[in-house]
Amino acid sequence: FVKGRFTISRDNAQNTVNLQMNSLAPEDTAVYYCHAKFPGSSP
């Protein structure tokens, strides 16, 4: 439902992720949450 409209990317420091949202429609209304998986002491 977002193909061709949204683009996900990361910055060069790799500590920030962005979501560019174009051609927005009312059905896109929502709370948007960031999620991440990081390794701990064991890779």
PDB file of all heavy atoms in Angstrom:
ATOM      1  N   PHE A   1       0.792  -1.221   0.000  1.00  0.00           N
ATOM      2  CA  PHE A   1       0.000   0.000   0.000  1.00  0.00           C
ATOM      3  C   PHE A   1       0.828   1.277   0.000  1.00  0.00           C
ATOM      4  O   PHE A   1       0.256   2.370  -0.091  1.00  0.00           O
ATOM      5  CB  PHE A   1      -0.996   0.003   1.177  1.00  0.00           C
ATOM      6  CG  PHE A   1      -0.395  -0.245   2.520  1.00  0.00           C
ATOM      7  CD1 PHE A   1       0.240   0.756   3.227  1.00  0.00           C
ATOM      8  CD2 PHE A   1      -0.483  -1.510   3.104  1.00  0.00           C
ATOM      9  CE1 PHE A   1       0.788   0.537   4.475  1.00  0.00           C
ATOM     10  CE2 PHE A   1       0.057  -1.754   4.360  1.00  0.00           C
ATOM     11  CZ  PHE A   1       0.695  -0.728   5.038  1.00  0.00           C
ATOM     12  N   VAL A   2       2.165   1.170   0.072  1.00  0.00           N
ATOM     13  CA  VAL A   2       3.012   2.365   0.017  1.00  0.00           C
ATOM     14  C   VAL A   2       4.033   2.315  -1.114  1.00  0.00           C
ATOM     15  O   VAL A   2       4.759   3.301  -1.317  1.00  0.00           O
ATOM     16  CB  VAL A   2       3.744   2.612   1.347  1.00  0.00           C
ATOM     17  CG1 VAL A   2       2.741   2.759   2.488  1.00  0.00           C
ATOM     18  CG2 VAL A   2       4.750   1.501   1.632  1.00  0.00           C
ATOM     19  N   LYS A   3       4.089   1.228  -1.860  1.00  0.00           N
ATOM     20  CA  LYS A   3       5.063   1.108  -2.942  1.00  0.00           C
ATOM     21  C   LYS A   3       4.870   2.226  -3.963  1.00  0.00           C
ATOM     22  O   LYS A   3       3.762   2.509  -4.393  1.00  0.00           O
ATOM     23  CB  LYS A   3       4.947  -0.252  -3.621  1.00  0.00           C
ATOM     24  CG  LYS A   3       5.504  -1.402  -2.804  1.00  0.00           C
ATOM     25  CD  LYS A   3       5.389  -2.723  -3.554  1.00  0.00           C
ATOM     26  CE  LYS A   3       5.990  -3.866  -2.752  1.00  0.00           C
ATOM     27  NZ  LYS A   3       5.838  -5.166  -3.447  1.00  0.00           N
ATOM     28  N   GLY A   4       5.973   2.859  -4.334  1.00  0.00           N
ATOM     29  CA  GLY A   4       5.927   3.951  -5.282  1.00  0.00           C
ATOM     30  C   GLY A   4       5.658   5.300  -4.662  1.00  0.00           C
ATOM     31  O   GLY A   4       5.770   6.323  -5.357  1.00  0.00           O
ATOM     32  N   ARG A   5       5.304   5.335  -3.381  1.00  0.00           N
ATOM     33  CA  ARG A   5       5.006   6.594  -2.702  1.00  0.00           C
ATOM     34  C   ARG A   5       5.965   6.893  -1.559  1.00  0.00           C
ATOM     35  O   ARG A   5       6.300   8.060  -1.326  1.00  0.00           O
ATOM     36  CB  ARG A   5       3.575   6.596  -2.155  1.00  0.00           C
ATOM     37  CG  ARG A   5       2.498   6.410  -3.220  1.00  0.00           C
ATOM     38  CD  ARG A   5       1.111   6.638  -2.641  1.00  0.00           C
ATOM     39  NE  ARG A   5       0.786   5.657  -1.608  1.00  0.00           N
ATOM     40  CZ  ARG A   5       0.391   5.977  -0.373  1.00  0.00           C
ATOM     41  NH1 ARG A   5       0.258   7.255  -0.023  1.00  0.00           N
ATOM     42  NH2 ARG A   5       0.097   5.025   0.501  1.00  0.00           N
ATOM     43  N   PHE A   6       6.389   5.860  -0.824  1.00  0.00           N
ATOM     44  CA  PHE A   6       7.251   6.030   0.345  1.00  0.00           C
ATOM     45  C   PHE A   6       8.644   5.496   0.047  1.00  0.00           C
ATOM     46  O   PHE A   6       8.809   4.532  -0.714  1.00  0.00           O
ATOM     47  CB  PHE A   6       6.701   5.269   1.556  1.00  0.00           C
ATOM     48  CG  PHE A   6       5.416   5.802   2.124  1.00  0.00           C
ATOM     49  CD1 PHE A   6       4.694   6.805   1.495  1.00  0.00           C
ATOM     50  CD2 PHE A   6       4.921   5.285   3.311  1.00  0.00           C
ATOM     51  CE1 PHE A   6       3.509   7.287   2.016  1.00  0.00           C
ATOM     52  CE2 PHE A   6       3.736   5.757   3.850  1.00  0.00           C
ATOM     53  CZ  PHE A   6       3.036   6.756   3.209  1.00  0.00           C
ATOM     54  N   THR A   7       9.660   6.095   0.672  1.00  0.00           N
ATOM     55  CA  THR A   7      11.039   5.652   0.538  1.00  0.00           C
ATOM     56  C   THR A   7      11.702   5.632   1.907  1.00  0.00           C
ATOM     57  O   THR A   7      11.674   6.638   2.618  1.00  0.00           O
ATOM     58  CB  THR A   7      11.842   6.556  -0.406  1.00  0.00           C
ATOM     59  OG1 THR A   7      11.212   6.605  -1.688  1.00  0.00           O
ATOM     60  CG2 THR A   7      13.259   6.019  -0.572  1.00  0.00           C
ATOM     61  N   ILE A   8      12.306   4.498   2.276  1.00  0.00           N
ATOM     62  CA  ILE A   8      13.041   4.395   3.525  1.00  0.00           C
ATOM     63  C   ILE A   8      14.533   4.501   3.225  1.00  0.00           C
ATOM     64  O   ILE A   8      15.012   3.989   2.216  1.00  0.00           O
ATOM     65  CB  ILE A   8      12.709   3.081   4.272  1.00  0.00           C
ATOM     66  CG1 ILE A   8      13.300   3.094   5.683  1.00  0.00           C
ATOM     67  CG2 ILE A   8      13.170   1.862   3.488  1.00  0.00           C
ATOM     68  CD1 ILE A   8      12.803   1.944   6.564  1.00  0.00           C
ATOM     69  N   SER A   9      15.275   5.170   4.096  1.00  0.00           N
ATOM     70  CA  SER A   9      16.699   5.370   3.890  1.00  0.00           C
ATOM     71  C   SER A   9      17.396   5.535   5.235  1.00  0.00           C
ATOM     72  O   SER A   9      16.746   5.705   6.265  1.00  0.00           O
ATOM     73  CB  SER A   9      16.973   6.592   3.005  1.00  0.00           C
ATOM     74  OG  SER A   9      16.489   7.773   3.612  1.00  0.00           O
ATOM     75  N   ARG A  10      18.727   5.484   5.224  1.00  0.00           N
ATOM     76  CA  ARG A  10      19.536   5.682   6.419  1.00  0.00           C
ATOM     77  C   ARG A  10      20.564   6.767   6.158  1.00  0.00           C
ATOM     78  O   ARG A  10      20.952   7.014   5.010  1.00  0.00           O
ATOM     79  CB  ARG A  10      20.228   4.378   6.831  1.00  0.00           C
ATOM     80  CG  ARG A  10      21.222   3.878   5.790  1.00  0.00           C
ATOM     81  CD  ARG A  10      21.788   2.526   6.150  1.00  0.00           C
ATOM     82  NE  ARG A  10      22.745   2.076   5.143  1.00  0.00           N
ATOM     83  CZ  ARG A  10      23.323   0.894   5.138  1.00  0.00           C
ATOM     84  NH1 ARG A  10      23.043   0.020   6.092  1.00  0.00           N
ATOM     85  NH2 ARG A  10      24.178   0.578   4.180  1.00  0.00           N
ATOM     86  N   ASP A  11      21.029   7.426   7.222  1.00  0.00           N
ATOM     87  CA  ASP A  11      22.062   8.427   7.055  1.00  0.00           C
ATOM     88  C   ASP A  11      23.432   7.774   7.064  1.00  0.00           C
ATOM     89  O   ASP A  11      23.572   6.579   7.337  1.00  0.00           O
ATOM     90  CB  ASP A  11      21.940   9.527   8.112  1.00  0.00           C
ATOM     91  CG  ASP A  11      22.211   9.037   9.523  1.00  0.00           C
ATOM     92  OD1 ASP A  11      22.678   7.892   9.702  1.00  0.00           O
ATOM     93  OD2 ASP A  11      21.962   9.820  10.462  1.00  0.00           O
ATOM     94  N   ASN A  12      24.467   8.568   6.760  1.00  0.00           N
ATOM     95  CA  ASN A  12      25.815   8.017   6.646  1.00  0.00           C
ATOM     96  C   ASN A  12      26.362   7.514   7.971  1.00  0.00           C
ATOM     97  O   ASN A  12      27.212   6.613   7.990  1.00  0.00           O
ATOM     98  CB  ASN A  12      26.764   9.070   6.057  1.00  0.00           C
ATOM     99  CG  ASN A  12      26.465   9.378   4.606  1.00  0.00           C
ATOM    100  OD1 ASN A  12      25.943   8.540   3.873  1.00  0.00           O
ATOM    101  ND2 ASN A  12      26.803  10.581   4.174  1.00  0.00           N
ATOM    102  N   ALA A  13      25.918   8.084   9.074  1.00  0.00           N
ATOM    103  CA  ALA A  13      26.350   7.637  10.391  1.00  0.00           C
ATOM    104  C   ALA A  13      25.659   6.348  10.816  1.00  0.00           C
ATOM    105  O   ALA A  13      26.062   5.728  11.797  1.00  0.00           O
ATOM    106  CB  ALA A  13      26.109   8.724  11.425  1.00  0.00           C
ATOM    107  N   GLN A  14      24.611   5.956  10.098  1.00  0.00           N
ATOM    108  CA  GLN A  14      23.853   4.735  10.351  1.00  0.00           C
ATOM    109  C   GLN A  14      23.215   4.706  11.728  1.00  0.00           C
ATOM    110  O   GLN A  14      22.991   3.640  12.297  1.00  0.00           O
ATOM    111  CB  GLN A  14      24.721   3.491  10.126  1.00  0.00           C
ATOM    112  CG  GLN A  14      25.269   3.373   8.718  1.00  0.00           C
ATOM    113  CD  GLN A  14      25.965   2.049   8.457  1.00  0.00           C
ATOM    114  OE1 GLN A  14      25.652   1.028   9.078  1.00  0.00           O
ATOM    115  NE2 GLN A  14      26.897   2.050   7.519  1.00  0.00           N
ATOM    116  N   ASN A  15      22.905   5.868  12.255  1.00  0.00           N
ATOM    117  CA  ASN A  15      22.185   5.936  13.514  1.00  0.00           C
ATOM    118  C   ASN A  15      20.813   6.590  13.359  1.00  0.00           C
ATOM    119  O   ASN A  15      20.103   6.765  14.351  1.00  0.00           O
ATOM    120  CB  ASN A  15      23.000   6.675  14.570  1.00  0.00           C
ATOM    121  CG  ASN A  15      23.285   8.125  14.178  1.00  0.00           C
ATOM    122  OD1 ASN A  15      22.974   8.572  13.086  1.00  0.00           O
ATOM    123  ND2 ASN A  15      23.893   8.865  15.096  1.00  0.00           N
ATOM    124  N   THR A  16      20.452   6.940  12.130  1.00  0.00           N
ATOM    125  CA  THR A  16      19.167   7.549  11.839  1.00  0.00           C
ATOM    126  C   THR A  16      18.557   6.920  10.598  1.00  0.00           C
ATOM    127  O   THR A  16      19.242   6.727   9.598  1.00  0.00           O
ATOM    128  CB  THR A  16      19.295   9.068  11.625  1.00  0.00           C
ATOM    129  OG1 THR A  16      19.810   9.680  12.812  1.00  0.00           O
ATOM    130  CG2 THR A  16      17.950   9.687  11.296  1.00  0.00           C
ATOM    131  N   VAL A  17      17.276   6.599  10.666  1.00  0.00           N
ATOM    132  CA  VAL A  17      16.529   6.068   9.535  1.00  0.00           C
ATOM    133  C   VAL A  17      15.388   7.021   9.226  1.00  0.00           C
ATOM    134  O   VAL A  17      14.717   7.513  10.141  1.00  0.00           O
ATOM    135  CB  VAL A  17      16.005   4.651   9.813  1.00  0.00           C
ATOM    136  CG1 VAL A  17      15.021   4.211   8.731  1.00  0.00           C
ATOM    137  CG2 VAL A  17      17.165   3.672   9.873  1.00  0.00           C
ATOM    138  N   ASN A  18      15.164   7.277   7.935  1.00  0.00           N
ATOM    139  CA  ASN A  18      14.153   8.229   7.489  1.00  0.00           C
ATOM    140  C   ASN A  18      13.090   7.536   6.661  1.00  0.00           C
ATOM    141  O   ASN A  18      13.328   6.494   6.044  1.00  0.00           O
ATOM    142  CB  ASN A  18      14.799   9.338   6.662  1.00  0.00           C
ATOM    143  CG  ASN A  18      15.916  10.036   7.397  1.00  0.00           C
ATOM    144  OD1 ASN A  18      15.719  10.571   8.488  1.00  0.00           O
ATOM    145  ND2 ASN A  18      17.112  10.031   6.813  1.00  0.00           N
ATOM    146  N   LEU A  19      11.903   8.119   6.639  1.00  0.00           N
ATOM    147  CA  LEU A  19      10.815   7.667   5.790  1.00  0.00           C
ATOM    148  C   LEU A  19      10.251   8.872   5.063  1.00  0.00           C
ATOM    149  O   LEU A  19       9.586   9.715   5.677  1.00  0.00           O
ATOM    150  CB  LEU A  19       9.721   6.966   6.598  1.00  0.00           C
ATOM    151  CG  LEU A  19       8.590   6.352   5.776  1.00  0.00           C
ATOM    152  CD1 LEU A  19       9.105   5.145   4.986  1.00  0.00           C
ATOM    153  CD2 LEU A  19       7.424   5.941   6.668  1.00  0.00           C
ATOM    154  N   GLN A  20      10.537   8.967   3.770  1.00  0.00           N
ATOM    155  CA  GLN A  20       9.980  10.022   2.932  1.00  0.00           C
ATOM    156  C   GLN A  20       8.627   9.556   2.419  1.00  0.00           C
ATOM    157  O   GLN A  20       8.539   8.528   1.743  1.00  0.00           O
ATOM    158  CB  GLN A  20      10.917  10.342   1.770  1.00  0.00           C
ATOM    159  CG  GLN A  20      10.407  11.411   0.823  1.00  0.00           C
ATOM    160  CD  GLN A  20      10.306  12.769   1.473  1.00  0.00           C
ATOM    161  OE1 GLN A  20      11.220  13.192   2.174  1.00  0.00           O
ATOM    162  NE2 GLN A  20       9.191  13.455   1.253  1.00  0.00           N
ATOM    163  N   MET A  21       7.568  10.304   2.720  1.00  0.00           N
ATOM    164  CA  MET A  21       6.208   9.942   2.360  1.00  0.00           C
ATOM    165  C   MET A  21       5.663  10.973   1.388  1.00  0.00           C
ATOM    166  O   MET A  21       5.514  12.148   1.738  1.00  0.00           O
ATOM    167  CB  MET A  21       5.315   9.848   3.598  1.00  0.00           C
ATOM    168  CG  MET A  21       5.841   8.890   4.663  1.00  0.00           C
ATOM    169  SD  MET A  21       4.693   8.674   6.046  1.00  0.00           S
ATOM    170  CE  MET A  21       4.722  10.334   6.729  1.00  0.00           C
ATOM    171  N   ASN A  22       5.378  10.544   0.167  1.00  0.00           N
ATOM    172  CA  ASN A  22       4.828  11.400  -0.870  1.00  0.00           C
ATOM    173  C   ASN A  22       3.431  10.929  -1.262  1.00  0.00           C
ATOM    174  O   ASN A  22       3.041   9.801  -0.984  1.00  0.00           O
ATOM    175  CB  ASN A  22       5.736  11.410  -2.101  1.00  0.00           C
ATOM    176  CG  ASN A  22       7.120  11.941  -1.819  1.00  0.00           C
ATOM    177  OD1 ASN A  22       7.301  12.834  -0.992  1.00  0.00           O
ATOM    178  ND2 ASN A  22       8.117  11.402  -2.521  1.00  0.00           N
ATOM    179  N   SER A  23       2.694  11.797  -1.944  1.00  0.00           N
ATOM    180  CA  SER A  23       1.341  11.487  -2.416  1.00  0.00           C
ATOM    181  C   SER A  23       0.475  10.928  -1.304  1.00  0.00           C
ATOM    182  O   SER A  23      -0.220   9.918  -1.478  1.00  0.00           O
ATOM    183  CB  SER A  23       1.405  10.511  -3.601  1.00  0.00           C
ATOM    184  OG  SER A  23       2.161  11.048  -4.664  1.00  0.00           O
ATOM    185  N   LEU A  24       0.495  11.582  -0.164  1.00  0.00           N
ATOM    186  CA  LEU A  24      -0.237  11.097   0.999  1.00  0.00           C
ATOM    187  C   LEU A  24      -1.747  11.179   0.778  1.00  0.00           C
ATOM    188  O   LEU A  24      -2.248  12.103   0.137  1.00  0.00           O
ATOM    189  CB  LEU A  24       0.155  11.893   2.234  1.00  0.00           C
ATOM    190  CG  LEU A  24       1.535  11.542   2.809  1.00  0.00           C
ATOM    191  CD1 LEU A  24       2.010  12.621   3.767  1.00  0.00           C
ATOM    192  CD2 LEU A  24       1.474  10.182   3.511  1.00  0.00           C
ATOM    193  N   ALA A  25      -2.456  10.196   1.327  1.00  0.00           N
ATOM    194  CA  ALA A  25      -3.905  10.101   1.234  1.00  0.00           C
ATOM    195  C   ALA A  25      -4.489   9.973   2.641  1.00  0.00           C
ATOM    196  O   ALA A  25      -3.787   9.587   3.576  1.00  0.00           O
ATOM    197  CB  ALA A  25      -4.304   8.902   0.376  1.00  0.00           C
ATOM    198  N   PRO A  26      -5.777  10.286   2.812  1.00  0.00           N
ATOM    199  CA  PRO A  26      -6.385  10.184   4.146  1.00  0.00           C
ATOM    200  C   PRO A  26      -6.220   8.816   4.794  1.00  0.00           C
ATOM    201  O   PRO A  26      -6.105   8.740   6.023  1.00  0.00           O
ATOM    202  CB  PRO A  26      -7.854  10.514   3.893  1.00  0.00           C
ATOM    203  CG  PRO A  26      -7.825  11.425   2.714  1.00  0.00           C
ATOM    204  CD  PRO A  26      -6.720  10.906   1.847  1.00  0.00           C
ATOM    205  N   GLU A  27      -6.202   7.738   4.010  1.00  0.00           N
ATOM    206  CA  GLU A  27      -6.035   6.409   4.577  1.00  0.00           C
ATOM    207  C   GLU A  27      -4.642   6.164   5.146  1.00  0.00           C
ATOM    208  O   GLU A  27      -4.402   5.138   5.795  1.00  0.00           O
ATOM    209  CB  GLU A  27      -6.380   5.321   3.549  1.00  0.00           C
ATOM    210  CG  GLU A  27      -5.692   5.508   2.209  1.00  0.00           C
ATOM    211  CD  GLU A  27      -6.564   6.228   1.193  1.00  0.00           C
ATOM    212  OE1 GLU A  27      -7.270   7.182   1.579  1.00  0.00           O
ATOM    213  OE2 GLU A  27      -6.548   5.823   0.008  1.00  0.00           O
ATOM    214  N   ASP A  28      -3.705   7.074   4.917  1.00  0.00           N
ATOM    215  CA  ASP A  28      -2.381   6.985   5.519  1.00  0.00           C
ATOM    216  C   ASP A  28      -2.363   7.523   6.952  1.00  0.00           C
ATOM    217  O   ASP A  28      -1.340   7.409   7.636  1.00  0.00           O
ATOM    218  CB  ASP A  28      -1.353   7.745   4.690  1.00  0.00           C
ATOM    219  CG  ASP A  28      -1.130   7.135   3.319  1.00  0.00           C
ATOM    220  OD1 ASP A  28      -1.003   5.893   3.233  1.00  0.00           O
ATOM    221  OD2 ASP A  28      -1.078   7.894   2.340  1.00  0.00           O
ATOM    222  N   THR A  29      -3.453   8.112   7.401  1.00  0.00           N
ATOM    223  CA  THR A  29      -3.531   8.660   8.752  1.00  0.00           C
ATOM    224  C   THR A  29      -3.350   7.553   9.782  1.00  0.00           C
ATOM    225  O   THR A  29      -4.069   6.550   9.771  1.00  0.00           O
ATOM    226  CB  THR A  29      -4.873   9.368   8.967  1.00  0.00           C
ATOM    227  OG1 THR A  29      -4.963  10.503   8.097  1.00  0.00           O
ATOM    228  CG2 THR A  29      -5.015   9.840  10.406  1.00  0.00           C
ATOM    229  N   ALA A  30      -2.377   7.719  10.676  1.00  0.00           N
ATOM    230  CA  ALA A  30      -2.061   6.705  11.678  1.00  0.00           C
ATOM    231  C   ALA A  30      -0.954   7.230  12.585  1.00  0.00           C
ATOM    232  O   ALA A  30      -0.352   8.274  12.312  1.00  0.00           O
ATOM    233  CB  ALA A  30      -1.606   5.399  11.014  1.00  0.00           C
ATOM    234  N   VAL A  31      -0.692   6.491  13.659  1.00  0.00           N
ATOM    235  CA  VAL A  31       0.510   6.703  14.447  1.00  0.00           C
ATOM    236  C   VAL A  31       1.607   5.850  13.829  1.00  0.00           C
ATOM    237  O   VAL A  31       1.424   4.642  13.627  1.00  0.00           O
ATOM    238  CB  VAL A  31       0.311   6.341  15.926  1.00  0.00           C
ATOM    239  CG1 VAL A  31       1.618   6.499  16.695  1.00  0.00           C
ATOM    240  CG2 VAL A  31      -0.776   7.213  16.542  1.00  0.00           C
ATOM    241  N   TYR A  32       2.732   6.453  13.518  1.00  0.00           N
ATOM    242  CA  TYR A  32       3.853   5.762  12.900  1.00  0.00           C
ATOM    243  C   TYR A  32       4.925   5.495  13.949  1.00  0.00           C
ATOM    244  O   TYR A  32       5.353   6.398  14.663  1.00  0.00           O
ATOM    245  CB  TYR A  32       4.422   6.593  11.747  1.00  0.00           C
ATOM    246  CG  TYR A  32       3.564   6.555  10.509  1.00  0.00           C
ATOM    247  CD1 TYR A  32       2.331   7.196  10.479  1.00  0.00           C
ATOM    248  CD2 TYR A  32       3.972   5.864   9.367  1.00  0.00           C
ATOM    249  CE1 TYR A  32       1.522   7.144   9.353  1.00  0.00           C
ATOM    250  CE2 TYR A  32       3.175   5.818   8.239  1.00  0.00           C
ATOM    251  CZ  TYR A  32       1.954   6.459   8.236  1.00  0.00           C
ATOM    252  OH  TYR A  32       1.160   6.409   7.106  1.00  0.00           O
ATOM    253  N   TYR A  33       5.357   4.228  14.035  1.00  0.00           N
ATOM    254  CA  TYR A  33       6.313   3.782  15.038  1.00  0.00           C
ATOM    255  C   TYR A  33       7.615   3.329  14.385  1.00  0.00           C
ATOM    256  O   TYR A  33       7.595   2.606  13.388  1.00  0.00           O
ATOM    257  CB  TYR A  33       5.759   2.611  15.845  1.00  0.00           C
ATOM    258  CG  TYR A  33       4.534   2.933  16.671  1.00  0.00           C
ATOM    259  CD1 TYR A  33       3.261   2.769  16.149  1.00  0.00           C
ATOM    260  CD2 TYR A  33       4.663   3.391  17.980  1.00  0.00           C
ATOM    261  CE1 TYR A  33       2.139   3.054  16.903  1.00  0.00           C
ATOM    262  CE2 TYR A  33       3.545   3.673  18.736  1.00  0.00           C
ATOM    263  CZ  TYR A  33       2.287   3.503  18.196  1.00  0.00           C
ATOM    264  OH  TYR A  33       1.172   3.780  18.950  1.00  0.00           O
ATOM    265  N   CYS A  34       8.727   3.719  14.968  1.00  0.00           N
ATOM    266  CA  CYS A  34      10.031   3.210  14.564  1.00  0.00           C
ATOM    267  C   CYS A  34      10.331   1.923  15.327  1.00  0.00           C
ATOM    268  O   CYS A  34      10.052   1.828  16.525  1.00  0.00           O
ATOM    269  CB  CYS A  34      11.115   4.257  14.835  1.00  0.00           C
ATOM    270  SG  CYS A  34      12.778   3.757  14.341  1.00  0.00           S
ATOM    271  N   HIS A  35      10.894   0.944  14.632  1.00  0.00           N
ATOM    272  CA  HIS A  35      11.281  -0.330  15.229  1.00  0.00           C
ATOM    273  C   HIS A  35      12.706  -0.661  14.813  1.00  0.00           C
ATOM    274  O   HIS A  35      13.120  -0.366  13.694  1.00  0.00           O
ATOM    275  CB  HIS A  35      10.333  -1.448  14.776  1.00  0.00           C
ATOM    276  CG  HIS A  35      10.802  -2.817  15.156  1.00  0.00           C
ATOM    277  ND1 HIS A  35      11.461  -3.652  14.269  1.00  0.00           N
ATOM    278  CD2 HIS A  35      10.722  -3.503  16.329  1.00  0.00           C
ATOM    279  CE1 HIS A  35      11.758  -4.784  14.879  1.00  0.00           C
ATOM    280  NE2 HIS A  35      11.319  -4.712  16.127  1.00  0.00           N
ATOM    281  N   ALA A  36      13.458  -1.299  15.731  1.00  0.00           N
ATOM    282  CA  ALA A  36      14.834  -1.664  15.430  1.00  0.00           C
ATOM    283  C   ALA A  36      15.203  -2.963  16.103  1.00  0.00           C
ATOM    284  O   ALA A  36      14.699  -3.294  17.180  1.00  0.00           O
ATOM    285  CB  ALA A  36      15.798  -0.563  15.866  1.00  0.00           C
ATOM    286  N   LYS A  37      16.091  -3.706  15.452  1.00  0.00           N
ATOM    287  CA  LYS A  37      16.727  -4.877  16.031  1.00  0.00           C
ATOM    288  C   LYS A  37      18.230  -4.616  16.094  1.00  0.00           C
ATOM    289  O   LYS A  37      18.856  -4.370  15.066  1.00  0.00           O
ATOM    290  CB  LYS A  37      16.448  -6.129  15.200  1.00  0.00           C
ATOM    291  CG  LYS A  37      15.002  -6.590  15.231  1.00  0.00           C
ATOM    292  CD  LYS A  37      14.833  -7.890  14.457  1.00  0.00           C
ATOM    293  CE  LYS A  37      13.407  -8.395  14.539  1.00  0.00           C
ATOM    294  NZ  LYS A  37      13.234  -9.668  13.778  1.00  0.00           N
ATOM    295  N   PHE A  38      18.776  -4.659  17.304  1.00  0.00           N
ATOM    296  CA  PHE A  38      20.203  -4.448  17.523  1.00  0.00           C
ATOM    297  C   PHE A  38      20.814  -5.670  18.181  1.00  0.00           C
ATOM    298  O   PHE A  38      20.193  -6.286  19.051  1.00  0.00           O
ATOM    299  CB  PHE A  38      20.453  -3.242  18.431  1.00  0.00           C
ATOM    300  CG  PHE A  38      20.428  -1.918  17.745  1.00  0.00           C
ATOM    301  CD1 PHE A  38      19.235  -1.242  17.545  1.00  0.00           C
ATOM    302  CD2 PHE A  38      21.599  -1.329  17.299  1.00  0.00           C
ATOM    303  CE1 PHE A  38      19.209  -0.018  16.915  1.00  0.00           C
ATOM    304  CE2 PHE A  38      21.590  -0.100  16.673  1.00  0.00           C
ATOM    305  CZ  PHE A  38      20.394   0.553  16.479  1.00  0.00           C
ATOM    306  N   PRO A  39      22.054  -6.038  17.830  1.00  0.00           N
ATOM    307  CA  PRO A  39      22.738  -7.116  18.530  1.00  0.00           C
ATOM    308  C   PRO A  39      23.214  -6.653  19.903  1.00  0.00           C
ATOM    309  O   PRO A  39      23.571  -5.482  20.094  1.00  0.00           O
ATOM    310  CB  PRO A  39      23.921  -7.447  17.615  1.00  0.00           C
ATOM    311  CG  PRO A  39      24.192  -6.167  16.891  1.00  0.00           C
ATOM    312  CD  PRO A  39      22.848  -5.508  16.702  1.00  0.00           C
ATOM    313  N   GLY A  40      23.236  -7.577  20.860  1.00  0.00           N
ATOM    314  CA  GLY A  40      23.782  -7.306  22.174  1.00  0.00           C
ATOM    315  C   GLY A  40      25.219  -7.772  22.257  1.00  0.00           C
ATOM    316  O   GLY A  40      25.981  -7.669  21.292  1.00  0.00           O
ATOM    317  N   SER A  41      25.601  -8.285  23.426  1.00  0.00           N
ATOM    318  CA  SER A  41      26.964  -8.771  23.601  1.00  0.00           C
ATOM    319  C   SER A  41      27.272  -9.943  22.679  1.00  0.00           C
ATOM    320  O   SER A  41      28.403 -10.091  22.217  1.00  0.00           O
ATOM    321  CB  SER A  41      27.192  -9.170  25.055  1.00  0.00           C
ATOM    322  OG  SER A  41      27.023  -8.065  25.923  1.00  0.00           O
ATOM    323  N   SER A  42      26.283 -10.786  22.431  1.00  0.00           N
ATOM    324  CA  SER A  42      26.420 -11.881  21.486  1.00  0.00           C
ATOM    325  C   SER A  42      25.882 -11.436  20.139  1.00  0.00           C
ATOM    326  O   SER A  42      24.705 -11.088  20.026  1.00  0.00           O
ATOM    327  CB  SER A  42      25.665 -13.117  21.971  1.00  0.00           C
ATOM    328  OG  SER A  42      26.156 -13.554  23.224  1.00  0.00           O
ATOM    329  N   PRO A  43      26.724 -11.450  19.093  1.00  0.00           N
ATOM    330  CA  PRO A  43      26.286 -10.918  17.792  1.00  0.00           C
ATOM    331  C   PRO A  43      25.089 -11.638  17.194  1.00  0.00           C
ATOM    332  O   PRO A  43      24.356 -11.039  16.397  1.00  0.00           O
ATOM    333  CB  PRO A  43      27.534 -11.100  16.911  1.00  0.00           C
ATOM    334  CG  PRO A  43      28.677 -11.160  17.865  1.00  0.00           C
ATOM    335  CD  PRO A  43      28.138 -11.846  19.088  1.00  0.00           C
TER     336      PRO A  43
END
